[in-house]
C-alpha atoms as a PDB file:
ATOM      1  CA  MET A   1       0.030   0.176  -0.040  1.00  0.00           C
ATOM      2  CA  SER A   2       1.507   3.408  -0.945  1.00  0.00           C
ATOM      3  CA  ALA A   3       0.631   6.415   1.035  1.00  0.00           C
ATOM      4  CA  SER A   4      -1.029   9.258  -0.697  1.00  0.00           C
ATOM      5  CA  VAL A   5       0.478  13.055  -0.327  1.00  0.00           C
ATOM      6  CA  ALA A   6      -2.842  13.996   1.473  1.00  0.00           C
ATOM      7  CA  ASN A   7      -3.023  14.168   5.278  1.00  0.00           C
ATOM      8  CA  THR A   8       0.729  14.885   6.149  1.00  0.00           C
ATOM      9  CA  PRO A   9       1.468  14.430   9.620  1.00  0.00           C
ATOM     10  CA  LEU A  10       2.303  17.105  12.280  1.00  0.00           C
ATOM     11  CA  VAL A  11       5.802  16.926  12.754  1.00  0.00           C
ATOM     12  CA  GLY A  12       7.569  18.295  15.945  1.00  0.00           C
ATOM     13  CA  PHE A  13       9.633  16.671  19.030  1.00  0.00           C
ATOM     14  CA  ALA A  14       9.309  15.755  22.493  1.00  0.00           C
ATOM     15  CA  TYR A  15       9.189  18.350  24.670  1.00  0.00           C
ATOM     16  CA  ARG A  16      12.240  18.820  27.451  1.00  0.00           C
ATOM     17  CA  ARG A  17      12.823  21.961  29.702  1.00  0.00           C
ATOM     18  CA  HIS A  18      15.898  22.394  27.886  1.00  0.00           C
ATOM     19  CA  TYR A  19      13.987  23.892  24.834  1.00  0.00           C
ATOM     20  CA  ARG A  20      11.383  25.672  27.205  1.00  0.00           C
ATOM     21  CA  ALA A  21      12.756  29.359  26.765  1.00  0.00           C
ATOM     22  CA  ALA A  22      13.129  28.567  22.924  1.00  0.00           C
ATOM     23  CA  LEU A  23       9.418  27.303  22.868  1.00  0.00           C
ATOM     24  CA  HIS A  24       7.879  29.632  24.672  1.00  0.00           C
ATOM     25  CA  GLU A  25       9.787  32.770  22.665  1.00  0.00           C
ATOM     26  CA  ALA A  26      10.866  31.697  19.156  1.00  0.00           C
ATOM     27  CA  GLU A  27       9.008  32.883  16.192  1.00  0.00           C
ATOM     28  CA  ARG A  28       9.310  29.499  14.567  1.00  0.00           C
ATOM     29  CA  GLY A  29       8.473  26.171  16.222  1.00  0.00           C
ATOM     30  CA  PRO A  30       7.652  22.604  15.321  1.00  0.00           C
ATOM     31  CA  ASP A  31       3.600  21.638  14.530  1.00  0.00           C
ATOM     32  CA  VAL A  32       3.413  19.360  17.605  1.00  0.00           C
ATOM     33  CA  LEU A  33       4.932  18.811  20.872  1.00  0.00           C
ATOM     34  CA  GLU A  34       4.519  15.395  22.641  1.00  0.00           C
ATOM     35  CA  LEU A  35       4.398  15.791  26.620  1.00  0.00           C
ATOM     36  CA  MET A  36       5.382  13.358  29.159  1.00  0.00           C
ATOM     37  CA  ALA A  37       2.880  12.450  31.607  1.00  0.00           C
ATOM     38  CA  GLU A  38       5.661  11.611  34.161  1.00  0.00           C
ATOM     39  CA  THR A  39       7.111  15.388  34.037  1.00  0.00           C
ATOM     40  CA  PHE A  40       4.006  17.388  33.912  1.00  0.00           C
ATOM     41  CA  ASP A  41       2.026  16.729  37.203  1.00  0.00           C
ATOM     42  CA  PRO A  42      -0.297  19.677  36.988  1.00  0.00           C
ATOM     43  CA  ARG A  43       0.501  19.725  41.129  1.00  0.00           C
ATOM     44  CA  LEU A  44       4.190  20.710  40.294  1.00  0.00           C
ATOM     45  CA  PRO A  45       4.751  24.529  40.248  1.00  0.00           C
ATOM     46  CA  GLY A  46       4.430  26.159  37.030  1.00  0.00           C
ATOM     47  CA  ARG A  47       3.450  23.167  35.212  1.00  0.00           C
ATOM     48  CA  VAL A  48      -0.492  24.221  34.565  1.00  0.00           C
ATOM     49  CA  ASP A  49       1.007  27.908  33.160  1.00  0.00           C
ATOM     50  CA  ASP A  50       3.435  26.130  30.982  1.00  0.00           C
ATOM     51  CA  VAL A  51       0.781  23.910  29.508  1.00  0.00           C
ATOM     52  CA  ARG A  52      -1.662  26.270  28.986  1.00  0.00           C
ATOM     53  CA  ALA A  53       0.779  28.574  26.637  1.00  0.00           C
ATOM     54  CA  LEU A  54       2.189  25.627  24.774  1.00  0.00           C
ATOM     55  CA  ARG A  55      -1.323  24.624  24.123  1.00  0.00           C
ATOM     56  CA  GLU A  56      -1.876  27.969  22.350  1.00  0.00           C
ATOM     57  CA  ARG A  57       1.233  27.901  20.198  1.00  0.00           C
ATOM     58  CA  TYR A  58       1.301  23.777  19.396  1.00  0.00           C
ATOM     59  CA  ALA A  59      -0.964  20.702  18.868  1.00  0.00           C
ATOM     60  CA  LEU A  60      -0.083  18.510  21.715  1.00  0.00           C
ATOM     61  CA  VAL A  61       0.187  14.551  21.983  1.00  0.00           C
ATOM     62  CA  GLY A  62       0.580  12.777  25.408  1.00  0.00           C
ATOM     63  CA  HIS A  63       3.276  10.105  26.056  1.00  0.00           C
ATOM     64  CA  SER A  64       4.028   7.830  29.122  1.00  0.00           C
ATOM     65  CA  VAL A  65       6.210   5.024  30.032  1.00  0.00           C
ATOM     66  CA  GLY A  66       4.486   3.206  33.287  1.00  0.00           C
ATOM     67  CA  LEU A  67       0.874   1.956  31.759  1.00  0.00           C
ATOM     68  CA  SER A  68       2.345  -1.545  31.783  1.00  0.00           C
ATOM     69  CA  ILE A  69      -0.416  -2.546  29.323  1.00  0.00           C
ATOM     70  CA  GLY A  70       0.840  -5.993  29.159  1.00  0.00           C
ATOM     71  CA  SER A  71       0.749  -6.970  32.849  1.00  0.00           C
ATOM     72  CA  VAL A  72      -1.749  -8.847  34.628  1.00  0.00           C
ATOM     73  CA  GLU A  73      -1.419  -6.684  37.755  1.00  0.00           C
ATOM     74  CA  ARG A  74      -2.218  -3.119  37.154  1.00  0.00           C
ATOM     75  CA  PRO A  75       0.162   0.059  38.183  1.00  0.00           C
ATOM     76  CA  PRO A  76      -0.767   1.512  41.494  1.00  0.00           C
ATOM     77  CA  GLN A  77      -4.085   3.471  41.566  1.00  0.00           C
ATOM     78  CA  ALA A  78      -1.970   6.887  42.417  1.00  0.00           C
ATOM     79  CA  TYR A  79      -0.122   6.499  38.840  1.00  0.00           C
ATOM     80  CA  LEU A  80      -3.076   6.055  36.949  1.00  0.00           C
ATOM     81  CA  ASP A  81      -5.032   8.570  38.710  1.00  0.00           C
ATOM     82  CA  GLY A  82      -1.992  10.971  37.941  1.00  0.00           C
ATOM     83  CA  LEU A  83      -2.446   9.656  34.157  1.00  0.00           C
ATOM     84  CA  ALA A  84      -6.139  11.135  34.361  1.00  0.00           C
ATOM     85  CA  ARG A  85      -4.572  14.574  35.933  1.00  0.00           C
ATOM     86  CA  PHE A  86      -2.244  14.838  33.127  1.00  0.00           C
ATOM     87  CA  VAL A  87      -4.874  14.401  30.214  1.00  0.00           C
ATOM     88  CA  GLU A  88      -7.234  16.813  32.108  1.00  0.00           C
ATOM     89  CA  LEU A  89      -4.501  19.178  31.881  1.00  0.00           C
ATOM     90  CA  VAL A  90      -2.908  18.808  28.584  1.00  0.00           C
ATOM     91  CA  GLN A  91      -5.952  17.680  26.243  1.00  0.00           C
ATOM     92  CA  PRO A  92      -4.036  15.924  24.366  1.00  0.00           C
ATOM     93  CA  ARG A  93      -5.021  14.737  20.633  1.00  0.00           C
ATOM     94  CA  VAL A  94      -3.919  11.324  21.454  1.00  0.00           C
ATOM     95  CA  TYR A  95      -1.899   9.599  23.804  1.00  0.00           C
ATOM     96  CA  SER A  96       0.589   6.765  23.993  1.00  0.00           C
ATOM     97  CA  ASP A  97       2.456   4.311  25.974  1.00  0.00           C
ATOM     98  CA  HIS A  98       4.156   0.920  24.914  1.00  0.00           C
ATOM     99  CA  PHE A  99       3.755  -2.763  24.099  1.00  0.00           C
ATOM    100  CA  ALA A 100       5.406  -3.425  27.323  1.00  0.00           C
ATOM    101  CA  VAL A 101       5.507  -4.941  31.098  1.00  0.00           C
ATOM    102  CA  THR A 102       6.576  -2.388  33.366  1.00  0.00           C
ATOM    103  CA  TYR A 103       4.892  -3.159  36.590  1.00  0.00           C
ATOM    104  CA  ALA A 104       4.796  -6.604  38.348  1.00  0.00           C
ATOM    105  CA  GLY A 105       4.836  -7.978  41.529  1.00  0.00           C
ATOM    106  CA  GLY A 106       4.113  -5.092  43.286  1.00  0.00           C
ATOM    107  CA  ARG A 107       7.160  -3.453  41.876  1.00  0.00           C
ATOM    108  CA  ASP A 108       7.921  -0.838  39.333  1.00  0.00           C
ATOM    109  CA  LEU A 109      10.397  -2.587  36.896  1.00  0.00           C
ATOM    110  CA  GLY A 110      12.313  -0.090  35.716  1.00  0.00           C
ATOM    111  CA  HIS A 111      12.463  -0.740  32.012  1.00  0.00           C
ATOM    112  CA  LEU A 112      10.188  -1.421  29.202  1.00  0.00           C
ATOM    113  CA  THR A 113      10.001  -5.386  29.641  1.00  0.00           C
ATOM    114  CA  PRO A 114       8.765  -7.381  26.240  1.00  0.00           C
ATOM    115  CA  ILE A 115       5.672  -9.108  26.024  1.00  0.00           C
ATOM    116  CA  TRP A 116       5.009 -13.083  25.463  1.00  0.00           C
ATOM    117  CA  TYR A 117       3.547 -11.952  22.149  1.00  0.00           C
ATOM    118  CA  GLY A 118       0.288 -14.575  21.845  1.00  0.00           C
ATOM    119  CA  GLU A 119      -3.338 -14.983  22.338  1.00  0.00           C
ATOM    120  CA  GLN A 120      -3.031 -14.999  26.145  1.00  0.00           C
ATOM    121  CA  ALA A 121      -1.567 -11.639  26.223  1.00  0.00           C
ATOM    122  CA  LEU A 122      -3.600 -10.381  23.600  1.00  0.00           C
ATOM    123  CA  GLU A 123      -6.630 -10.854  26.230  1.00  0.00           C
ATOM    124  CA  VAL A 124      -4.783  -9.161  28.988  1.00  0.00           C
ATOM    125  CA  VAL A 125      -3.560  -5.998  26.806  1.00  0.00           C
ATOM    126  CA  VAL A 126      -7.261  -5.430  25.031  1.00  0.00           C
ATOM    127  CA  ARG A 127      -8.684  -5.504  28.559  1.00  0.00           C
ATOM    128  CA  ASN A 128      -6.024  -3.079  29.897  1.00  0.00           C
ATOM    129  CA  LEU A 129      -6.844  -0.656  27.243  1.00  0.00           C
ATOM    130  CA  THR A 130     -10.148  -1.071  27.680  1.00  0.00           C
ATOM    131  CA  ALA A 131      -9.982   0.334  31.300  1.00  0.00           C
ATOM    132  CA  ALA A 132      -7.316   2.651  29.888  1.00  0.00           C
ATOM    133  CA  ARG A 133      -9.693   4.096  27.378  1.00  0.00           C
ATOM    134  CA  ARG A 134     -12.422   4.731  30.387  1.00  0.00           C
ATOM    135  CA  LEU A 135      -9.960   6.440  32.303  1.00  0.00           C
ATOM    136  CA  LEU A 136      -8.322   8.869  29.986  1.00  0.00           C
ATOM    137  CA  GLY A 137     -11.046   9.383  27.741  1.00  0.00           C
ATOM    138  CA  VAL A 138      -8.632  10.146  24.505  1.00  0.00           C
ATOM    139  CA  PRO A 139      -7.392   7.825  21.679  1.00  0.00           C
ATOM    140  CA  ILE A 140      -4.589   5.532  22.935  1.00  0.00           C
ATOM    141  CA  CYS A 141      -1.710   4.427  20.794  1.00  0.00           C
ATOM    142  CA  LEU A 142       0.895   1.932  21.693  1.00  0.00           C
ATOM    143  CA  GLU A 143       4.440   1.973  20.827  1.00  0.00           C
ATOM    144  CA  ILE A 144       7.026  -0.463  19.474  1.00  0.00           C
ATOM    145  CA  ILE A 145       9.651  -1.106  21.852  1.00  0.00           C
ATOM    146  CA  ALA A 146      13.440  -1.600  21.404  1.00  0.00           C
ATOM    147  CA  GLU A 147      13.771  -5.207  22.335  1.00  0.00           C
ATOM    148  CA  PRO A 148      17.191  -6.377  24.432  1.00  0.00           C
ATOM    149  CA  PHE A 149      15.934 -10.133  24.091  1.00  0.00           C
ATOM    150  CA  ALA A 150      13.075 -12.024  22.755  1.00  0.00           C
ATOM    151  CA  LEU A 151      10.853 -13.930  25.299  1.00  0.00           C
ATOM    152  CA  PRO A 152      11.082 -17.776  24.519  1.00  0.00           C
ATOM    153  CA  GLY A 153       7.711 -19.592  23.867  1.00  0.00           C
ATOM    154  CA  ALA A 154       5.893 -16.397  22.049  1.00  0.00           C
ATOM    155  CA  GLN A 155       3.439 -17.397  19.346  1.00  0.00           C
ATOM    156  CA  TRP A 156       4.257 -13.899  17.462  1.00  0.00           C
ATOM    157  CA  ASP A 157       6.468 -11.476  16.802  1.00  0.00           C
ATOM    158  CA  GLN A 158       5.963  -7.712  17.987  1.00  0.00           C
ATOM    159  CA  ALA A 159       4.792  -6.532  14.500  1.00  0.00           C
ATOM    160  CA  ARG A 160       2.188  -9.446  14.604  1.00  0.00           C
ATOM    161  CA  PHE A 161       0.993  -8.548  18.057  1.00  0.00           C
ATOM    162  CA  ALA A 162       0.525  -5.311  17.428  1.00  0.00           C
ATOM    163  CA  ALA A 163      -1.558  -5.959  14.410  1.00  0.00           C
ATOM    164  CA  GLU A 164      -3.662  -8.412  16.246  1.00  0.00           C
ATOM    165  CA  VAL A 165      -4.325  -5.873  18.833  1.00  0.00           C
ATOM    166  CA  TRP A 166      -5.377  -3.461  16.122  1.00  0.00           C
ATOM    167  CA  ARG A 167      -7.809  -5.913  14.835  1.00  0.00           C
ATOM    168  CA  ALA A 168      -9.246  -6.839  18.229  1.00  0.00           C
ATOM    169  CA  CYS A 169      -9.826  -3.124  19.658  1.00  0.00           C
ATOM    170  CA  GLY A 170      -8.783  -0.653  17.142  1.00  0.00           C
ATOM    171  CA  CYS A 171      -5.677   0.437  19.199  1.00  0.00           C
ATOM    172  CA  GLY A 172      -3.436   2.515  17.096  1.00  0.00           C
ATOM    173  CA  ILE A 173       0.426   1.681  16.310  1.00  0.00           C
ATOM    174  CA  HIS A 174       3.211   4.224  17.516  1.00  0.00           C
ATOM    175  CA  LEU A 175       5.799   2.722  15.460  1.00  0.00           C
ATOM    176  CA  ASP A 176       9.179   3.855  16.861  1.00  0.00           C
ATOM    177  CA  VAL A 177      11.200   3.541  13.643  1.00  0.00           C
ATOM    178  CA  THR A 178      14.627   3.764  15.695  1.00  0.00           C
ATOM    179  CA  ASN A 179      13.181   0.858  17.619  1.00  0.00           C
ATOM    180  CA  VAL A 180      12.670  -0.698  14.576  1.00  0.00           C
ATOM    181  CA  PHE A 181      15.776  -0.225  13.020  1.00  0.00           C
ATOM    182  CA  ILE A 182      17.752  -1.270  16.583  1.00  0.00           C
ATOM    183  CA  ASN A 183      15.664  -4.451  16.758  1.00  0.00           C
ATOM    184  CA  ALA A 184      16.274  -5.529  13.293  1.00  0.00           C
ATOM    185  CA  ARG A 185      19.949  -4.809  13.287  1.00  0.00           C
ATOM    186  CA  ASN A 186      20.975  -6.572  16.175  1.00  0.00           C
ATOM    187  CA  SER A 187      19.299  -9.849  15.272  1.00  0.00           C
ATOM    188  CA  GLY A 188      20.233  -9.948  11.729  1.00  0.00           C
ATOM    189  CA  GLN A 189      16.672  -9.187  10.404  1.00  0.00           C
ATOM    190  CA  CYS A 190      15.317  -6.630   7.711  1.00  0.00           C
ATOM    191  CA  PRO A 191      13.569  -3.258   9.120  1.00  0.00           C
ATOM    192  CA  ARG A 192      11.639  -2.523   6.277  1.00  0.00           C
ATOM    193  CA  ALA A 193      10.149  -6.176   6.362  1.00  0.00           C
ATOM    194  CA  PHE A 194       8.422  -5.337  10.095  1.00  0.00           C
ATOM    195  CA  VAL A 195       7.405  -2.061   8.741  1.00  0.00           C
ATOM    196  CA  ALA A 196       5.813  -3.782   5.828  1.00  0.00           C
ATOM    197  CA  ALA A 197       4.205  -6.326   8.077  1.00  0.00           C
ATOM    198  CA  LEU A 198       2.284  -3.635   9.975  1.00  0.00           C
ATOM    199  CA  PRO A 199      -1.447  -2.462   9.001  1.00  0.00           C
ATOM    200  CA  ALA A 200      -0.443   0.557   7.364  1.00  0.00           C
ATOM    201  CA  GLU A 201      -3.874   2.110   8.703  1.00  0.00           C
ATOM    202  CA  ALA A 202      -3.084   1.299  12.182  1.00  0.00           C
ATOM    203  CA  VAL A 203      -0.198   3.253  12.297  1.00  0.00           C
ATOM    204  CA  GLN A 204      -0.959   6.549  13.599  1.00  0.00           C
ATOM    205  CA  MET A 205       2.135   7.755  15.338  1.00  0.00           C
ATOM    206  CA  ILE A 206       5.860   7.832  14.834  1.00  0.00           C
ATOM    207  CA  HIS A 207       8.983   8.152  16.778  1.00  0.00           C
ATOM    208  CA  ALA A 208      12.355   8.877  15.785  1.00  0.00           C
ATOM    209  CA  VAL A 209      15.722   9.848  17.452  1.00  0.00           C
ATOM    210  CA  GLY A 210      19.507   8.814  16.679  1.00  0.00           C
ATOM    211  CA  PHE A 211      20.581   5.494  18.018  1.00  0.00           C
ATOM    212  CA  GLY A 212      23.838   4.660  20.090  1.00  0.00           C
ATOM    213  CA  ARG A 213      25.714   1.876  20.495  1.00  0.00           C
ATOM    214  CA  TYR A 214      26.964  -0.442  23.572  1.00  0.00           C
ATOM    215  CA  GLU A 215      30.652  -1.169  24.052  1.00  0.00           C
ATOM    216  CA  HIS A 216      30.171  -4.609  22.142  1.00  0.00           C
ATOM    217  CA  GLY A 217      28.940  -3.142  19.204  1.00  0.00           C
ATOM    218  CA  GLU A 218      25.144  -3.816  19.331  1.00  0.00           C
ATOM    219  CA  LEU A 219      22.768  -0.508  18.723  1.00  0.00           C
ATOM    220  CA  ALA A 220      21.168   0.763  21.869  1.00  0.00           C
ATOM    221  CA  ASP A 221      18.103   3.113  21.960  1.00  0.00           C
ATOM    222  CA  THR A 222      19.854   5.996  23.578  1.00  0.00           C
ATOM    223  CA  HIS A 223      17.875   9.003  22.684  1.00  0.00           C
ATOM    224  CA  ASP A 224      21.009  11.317  22.488  1.00  0.00           C
ATOM    225  CA  GLU A 225      21.829  11.296  19.096  1.00  0.00           C
ATOM    226  CA  ASP A 226      20.995  13.219  15.659  1.00  0.00           C
ATOM    227  CA  ILE A 227      19.067  11.125  13.552  1.00  0.00           C
ATOM    228  CA  GLN A 228      21.578   8.826  11.067  1.00  0.00           C
ATOM    229  CA  GLN A 229      21.491   8.393   7.670  1.00  0.00           C
ATOM    230  CA  GLU A 230      20.332   4.913   7.855  1.00  0.00           C
ATOM    231  CA  LEU A 231      17.249   5.906   9.812  1.00  0.00           C
ATOM    232  CA  TRP A 232      16.399   8.635   7.494  1.00  0.00           C
ATOM    233  CA  ASP A 233      16.455   6.023   4.670  1.00  0.00           C
ATOM    234  CA  LEU A 234      13.584   3.973   6.584  1.00  0.00           C
ATOM    235  CA  LEU A 235      11.776   6.827   7.503  1.00  0.00           C
ATOM    236  CA  ALA A 236      11.577   7.802   3.780  1.00  0.00           C
ATOM    237  CA  TYR A 237      10.260   4.311   3.339  1.00  0.00           C
ATOM    238  CA  THR A 238       7.864   3.781   6.076  1.00  0.00           C
ATOM    239  CA  PHE A 239       6.044   7.339   4.923  1.00  0.00           C
ATOM    240  CA  THR A 240       5.625   5.823   1.289  1.00  0.00           C
ATOM    241  CA  ARG A 241       3.663   3.204   3.255  1.00  0.00           C
ATOM    242  CA  VAL A 242       1.771   4.775   6.079  1.00  0.00           C
ATOM    243  CA  ARG A 243       0.546   8.393   6.902  1.00  0.00           C
ATOM    244  CA  PRO A 244       0.366   8.785  10.553  1.00  0.00           C
ATOM    245  CA  ALA A 245      -1.397  11.649  12.528  1.00  0.00           C
ATOM    246  CA  THR A 246       2.073  12.999  14.231  1.00  0.00           C
ATOM    247  CA  ALA A 247       5.638  12.202  13.479  1.00  0.00           C
ATOM    248  CA  VAL A 248       7.838  13.168  16.774  1.00  0.00           C
ATOM    249  CA  ILE A 249      11.626  13.140  17.471  1.00  0.00           C
ATOM    250  CA  GLU A 250      12.274  11.955  20.857  1.00  0.00           C
ATOM    251  CA  ARG A 251      15.684  13.299  21.789  1.00  0.00           C
ATOM    252  CA  ASP A 252      16.468  12.926  25.698  1.00  0.00           C
ATOM    253  CA  GLY A 253      19.951  14.082  26.086  1.00  0.00           C
ATOM    254  CA  ASN A 254      23.164  15.761  24.325  1.00  0.00           C
ATOM    255  CA  PHE A 255      20.701  18.380  23.075  1.00  0.00           C
ATOM    256  CA  PRO A 256      21.277  20.138  20.181  1.00  0.00           C
ATOM    257  CA  PRO A 257      21.050  23.867  19.424  1.00  0.00           C
ATOM    258  CA  TYR A 258      17.195  24.515  18.984  1.00  0.00           C
ATOM    259  CA  ALA A 259      17.627  25.293  15.423  1.00  0.00           C
ATOM    260  CA  SER A 260      19.388  22.177  14.608  1.00  0.00           C
ATOM    261  CA  LEU A 261      16.372  20.249  16.077  1.00  0.00           C
ATOM    262  CA  LEU A 262      14.136  22.199  14.165  1.00  0.00           C
ATOM    263  CA  ALA A 263      16.299  21.436  10.957  1.00  0.00           C
ATOM    264  CA  GLU A 264      15.504  17.728  11.634  1.00  0.00           C
ATOM    265  CA  VAL A 265      12.065  18.316  12.258  1.00  0.00           C
ATOM    266  CA  ASP A 266      12.059  20.159   8.591  1.00  0.00           C
ATOM    267  CA  ARG A 267      13.759  17.008   7.127  1.00  0.00           C
ATOM    268  CA  MET A 268      11.335  14.533   8.483  1.00  0.00           C
ATOM    269  CA  ARG A 269       8.332  16.881   7.617  1.00  0.00           C
ATOM    270  CA  SER A 270      10.013  16.997   3.944  1.00  0.00           C
ATOM    271  CA  LEU A 271       9.974  13.289   3.575  1.00  0.00           C
ATOM    272  CA  ALA A 272       6.235  13.045   4.843  1.00  0.00           C
ATOM    273  CA  GLU A 273       4.949  15.578   2.117  1.00  0.00           C
ATOM    274  CA  ARG A 274       7.113  13.093  -0.674  1.00  0.00           C
ATOM    275  CA  PRO A 275       6.490   9.868   0.234  1.00  0.00           C
ATOM    276  CA  GLU A 276       7.249   8.897  -2.932  1.00  0.00           C
ATOM    277  CA  VAL A 277      10.902   9.633  -2.874  1.00  0.00           C
ATOM    278  CA  ALA A 278      12.394   6.603  -1.055  1.00  0.00           C
ATOM    279  CA  PRO A 279      15.690   5.098  -1.437  1.00  0.00           C
END
């Protein structure tokens, strides 16, 4: 399926305090900002005023890391209440978390742990999504994670599982192109094949950021590098297949100048506007 040029996504980056002044003061900015639920607690000083000012200038989407959509045991109610407060404050167009387990045995695991992809896990995820939708009242997407290992005994891979969740309950896919590239390269697979395996209409959000490397040479999801050419090539291919509503650069460290980050936003927008051009 080839994407049409219509419905170009809103392109932007993840809000970080490093860029706070520029986002409030600069004449030019991104189309969209992604705000993290864990850092935008409305009870913290200045957060309400910050969000109100940002909402006047930019489209906003929400993101979090602790929903633990794949776990039988739910996160603490205090965390879920915090997500509800975040959504009420930010009023995001869409909210996303991850295809992952982050809470088990009464503990925060501190990591996005893979799910055992199969029919039993599908039932758990659909049930948890139903509860999350009821709580938050906004569209929810789930992000493809970087997998440091594959759990044994899984029926499906992550692409198949994401597709099955989409078919079961209409939950959109948040396609992290960097994670797809990392997983494929570290396991000797083809990243384009992963993208091609997803239902194109299900991909509603995109993440990208440059990858790092571990000492032993494997790629790492460090969120602190410029987007490398291999990722630009994969993004170009991805935009020939899908038309997401948003595409966000998720930089968490080694922050470049504001103008340099906007240059990456512009390059990504150019790829999205010309999806027929793919290496």
